[in-house]
């Protein structure tokens, strides 16, 4: 049985609303869903910084080809003038999970050590 936080009425455990005042009960947190939020191995770390989304996207695709998930949080921000007047304050970051950071650093080093053809 659970008690309503508004009127104090006792309700069945499966109740979604209070039978007395119709206050909606908050769903109980799922511990399995929260595990991904608290696992330090899944926290995002910055792997590399670029001046534009195109260069960052190329690294993201390379990492994906190697089985490493990456994200570019800034990829949906407006970048109208980045090619004409790049700002030193505006940077695009490629981020990976902490557990994949070392493997991603190796891939990044391989890509930057090869001269462009």
C-alpha atoms as a PDB file:
ATOM      1  CA  UNK A   1       0.000   0.000   0.000  1.00  0.00           C
ATOM      2  CA  UNK A   2       1.161   3.546  -0.674  1.00  0.00           C
ATOM      3  CA  UNK A   3      -0.017   6.793   0.812  1.00  0.00           C
ATOM      4  CA  UNK A   4      -0.982   9.853  -1.217  1.00  0.00           C
ATOM      5  CA  UNK A   5       1.422  12.745  -0.653  1.00  0.00           C
ATOM      6  CA  UNK A   6      -1.452  15.254  -0.982  1.00  0.00           C
ATOM      7  CA  UNK A   7      -4.356  13.863   1.051  1.00  0.00           C
ATOM      8  CA  UNK A   8      -2.719  10.960   2.910  1.00  0.00           C
ATOM      9  CA  UNK A   9      -5.187   8.344   1.629  1.00  0.00           C
ATOM     10  CA  UNK A  10      -3.902   4.778   1.488  1.00  0.00           C
ATOM     11  CA  UNK A  11      -3.958   3.338  -2.053  1.00  0.00           C
ATOM     12  CA  UNK A  12      -3.058   0.057  -3.711  1.00  0.00           C
ATOM     13  CA  UNK A  13       0.578  -0.335  -4.759  1.00  0.00           C
ATOM     14  CA  UNK A  14      -0.412  -0.572  -8.448  1.00  0.00           C
ATOM     15  CA  UNK A  15      -2.510   2.636  -8.338  1.00  0.00           C
ATOM     16  CA  UNK A  16      -1.516   5.393 -10.737  1.00  0.00           C
ATOM     17  CA  UNK A  17      -3.855   8.014  -9.204  1.00  0.00           C
ATOM     18  CA  UNK A  18      -5.140   8.504  -5.658  1.00  0.00           C
ATOM     19  CA  UNK A  19      -8.695   7.192  -5.274  1.00  0.00           C
ATOM     20  CA  UNK A  20      -9.535  10.109  -2.954  1.00  0.00           C
ATOM     21  CA  UNK A  21      -8.122  13.230  -4.652  1.00  0.00           C
ATOM     22  CA  UNK A  22      -6.900  11.965  -8.059  1.00  0.00           C
ATOM     23  CA  UNK A  23      -3.316  13.084  -7.437  1.00  0.00           C
ATOM     24  CA  UNK A  24      -0.988  11.289  -9.840  1.00  0.00           C
ATOM     25  CA  UNK A  25       1.652   9.114  -8.205  1.00  0.00           C
ATOM     26  CA  UNK A  26       5.218   9.544  -9.417  1.00  0.00           C
ATOM     27  CA  UNK A  27       6.608   6.321 -10.888  1.00  0.00           C
ATOM     28  CA  UNK A  28       9.191   4.661  -8.702  1.00  0.00           C
ATOM     29  CA  UNK A  29      12.711   4.971 -10.138  1.00  0.00           C
ATOM     30  CA  UNK A  30      14.048   1.999 -12.049  1.00  0.00           C
ATOM     31  CA  UNK A  31      17.466   1.087 -10.571  1.00  0.00           C
ATOM     32  CA  UNK A  32      18.549  -0.552 -13.841  1.00  0.00           C
ATOM     33  CA  UNK A  33      17.915   2.676 -15.771  1.00  0.00           C
ATOM     34  CA  UNK A  34      19.966   4.712 -13.297  1.00  0.00           C
ATOM     35  CA  UNK A  35      22.957   2.356 -13.501  1.00  0.00           C
ATOM     36  CA  UNK A  36      23.983   3.823 -16.867  1.00  0.00           C
ATOM     37  CA  UNK A  37      23.908   7.323 -15.410  1.00  0.00           C
ATOM     38  CA  UNK A  38      26.212   6.532 -12.512  1.00  0.00           C
ATOM     39  CA  UNK A  39      28.731   4.227 -14.196  1.00  0.00           C
ATOM     40  CA  UNK A  40      31.981   6.221 -14.561  1.00  0.00           C
ATOM     41  CA  UNK A  41      33.079   4.013 -17.473  1.00  0.00           C
ATOM     42  CA  UNK A  42      30.162   5.381 -19.508  1.00  0.00           C
ATOM     43  CA  UNK A  43      30.813   9.065 -18.787  1.00  0.00           C
ATOM     44  CA  UNK A  44      31.779  11.114 -21.828  1.00  0.00           C
ATOM     45  CA  UNK A  45      35.296  12.481 -22.181  1.00  0.00           C
ATOM     46  CA  UNK A  46      36.674  14.821 -24.842  1.00  0.00           C
ATOM     47  CA  UNK A  47      38.872  12.955 -27.295  1.00  0.00           C
ATOM     48  CA  UNK A  48      39.643  15.776 -29.733  1.00  0.00           C
ATOM     49  CA  UNK A  49      38.721  19.355 -30.567  1.00  0.00           C
ATOM     50  CA  UNK A  50      38.148  20.726 -34.082  1.00  0.00           C
ATOM     51  CA  UNK A  51      37.331  24.044 -35.718  1.00  0.00           C
ATOM     52  CA  UNK A  52      34.335  22.668 -37.647  1.00  0.00           C
ATOM     53  CA  UNK A  53      31.800  19.877 -37.687  1.00  0.00           C
ATOM     54  CA  UNK A  54      33.095  18.401 -40.944  1.00  0.00           C
ATOM     55  CA  UNK A  55      36.493  17.502 -39.512  1.00  0.00           C
ATOM     56  CA  UNK A  56      34.930  16.262 -36.276  1.00  0.00           C
ATOM     57  CA  UNK A  57      32.449  14.183 -38.270  1.00  0.00           C
ATOM     58  CA  UNK A  58      35.251  12.461 -40.151  1.00  0.00           C
ATOM     59  CA  UNK A  59      36.796  11.301 -36.871  1.00  0.00           C
ATOM     60  CA  UNK A  60      33.394  10.227 -35.578  1.00  0.00           C
ATOM     61  CA  UNK A  61      32.867   8.069 -38.689  1.00  0.00           C
ATOM     62  CA  UNK A  62      36.362   6.556 -38.338  1.00  0.00           C
ATOM     63  CA  UNK A  63      35.651   5.656 -34.710  1.00  0.00           C
ATOM     64  CA  UNK A  64      32.287   4.161 -35.654  1.00  0.00           C
ATOM     65  CA  UNK A  65      34.003   1.986 -38.267  1.00  0.00           C
ATOM     66  CA  UNK A  66      36.202   0.630 -35.460  1.00  0.00           C
ATOM     67  CA  UNK A  67      33.182  -0.065 -33.242  1.00  0.00           C
ATOM     68  CA  UNK A  68      33.577   2.911 -30.906  1.00  0.00           C
ATOM     69  CA  UNK A  69      30.558   5.110 -30.311  1.00  0.00           C
ATOM     70  CA  UNK A  70      31.292   8.825 -30.365  1.00  0.00           C
ATOM     71  CA  UNK A  71      29.235  11.982 -30.254  1.00  0.00           C
ATOM     72  CA  UNK A  72      29.617  15.605 -31.265  1.00  0.00           C
ATOM     73  CA  UNK A  73      27.456  17.660 -28.886  1.00  0.00           C
ATOM     74  CA  UNK A  74      27.909  20.841 -30.932  1.00  0.00           C
ATOM     75  CA  UNK A  75      26.906  19.337 -34.298  1.00  0.00           C
ATOM     76  CA  UNK A  76      23.411  20.825 -34.210  1.00  0.00           C
ATOM     77  CA  UNK A  77      24.440  24.353 -33.246  1.00  0.00           C
ATOM     78  CA  UNK A  78      24.273  27.058 -35.927  1.00  0.00           C
ATOM     79  CA  UNK A  79      27.598  27.466 -37.702  1.00  0.00           C
ATOM     80  CA  UNK A  80      26.819  29.990 -40.375  1.00  0.00           C
ATOM     81  CA  UNK A  81      30.079  31.939 -40.266  1.00  0.00           C
ATOM     82  CA  UNK A  82      32.515  29.296 -38.984  1.00  0.00           C
ATOM     83  CA  UNK A  83      34.093  28.814 -42.397  1.00  0.00           C
ATOM     84  CA  UNK A  84      34.481  32.551 -43.104  1.00  0.00           C
ATOM     85  CA  UNK A  85      35.446  33.830 -39.673  1.00  0.00           C
ATOM     86  CA  UNK A  86      36.287  30.980 -37.283  1.00  0.00           C
ATOM     87  CA  UNK A  87      36.187  32.089 -33.679  1.00  0.00           C
ATOM     88  CA  UNK A  88      38.913  30.900 -31.312  1.00  0.00           C
ATOM     89  CA  UNK A  89      36.212  30.456 -28.688  1.00  0.00           C
ATOM     90  CA  UNK A  90      34.000  28.193 -30.786  1.00  0.00           C
ATOM     91  CA  UNK A  91      35.231  24.640 -30.930  1.00  0.00           C
ATOM     92  CA  UNK A  92      33.660  21.333 -31.887  1.00  0.00           C
ATOM     93  CA  UNK A  93      34.454  18.362 -29.663  1.00  0.00           C
ATOM     94  CA  UNK A  94      34.381  14.639 -30.318  1.00  0.00           C
ATOM     95  CA  UNK A  95      33.526  12.734 -27.153  1.00  0.00           C
ATOM     96  CA  UNK A  96      33.695   9.033 -26.322  1.00  0.00           C
ATOM     97  CA  UNK A  97      32.877   6.916 -23.291  1.00  0.00           C
ATOM     98  CA  UNK A  98      35.679   6.780 -20.734  1.00  0.00           C
ATOM     99  CA  UNK A  99      35.968   3.012 -21.274  1.00  0.00           C
ATOM    100  CA  UNK A 100      36.758   3.585 -24.983  1.00  0.00           C
ATOM    101  CA  UNK A 101      39.114   6.547 -24.518  1.00  0.00           C
ATOM    102  CA  UNK A 102      42.441   4.694 -24.791  1.00  0.00           C
ATOM    103  CA  UNK A 103      41.407   2.765 -27.919  1.00  0.00           C
ATOM    104  CA  UNK A 104      40.059   5.960 -29.477  1.00  0.00           C
ATOM    105  CA  UNK A 105      43.344   7.783 -28.750  1.00  0.00           C
ATOM    106  CA  UNK A 106      45.219   5.089 -30.698  1.00  0.00           C
ATOM    107  CA  UNK A 107      42.879   5.521 -33.683  1.00  0.00           C
ATOM    108  CA  UNK A 108      43.235   9.306 -33.501  1.00  0.00           C
ATOM    109  CA  UNK A 109      47.039   9.006 -33.421  1.00  0.00           C
ATOM    110  CA  UNK A 110      46.998   6.704 -36.464  1.00  0.00           C
ATOM    111  CA  UNK A 111      44.830   9.145 -38.410  1.00  0.00           C
ATOM    112  CA  UNK A 112      46.948  12.186 -37.602  1.00  0.00           C
ATOM    113  CA  UNK A 113      50.276  10.439 -38.295  1.00  0.00           C
ATOM    114  CA  UNK A 114      49.385   9.604 -41.909  1.00  0.00           C
ATOM    115  CA  UNK A 115      49.895  12.445 -44.415  1.00  0.00           C
ATOM    116  CA  UNK A 116      46.815  13.362 -46.483  1.00  0.00           C
ATOM    117  CA  UNK A 117      46.827  11.879 -49.983  1.00  0.00           C
END
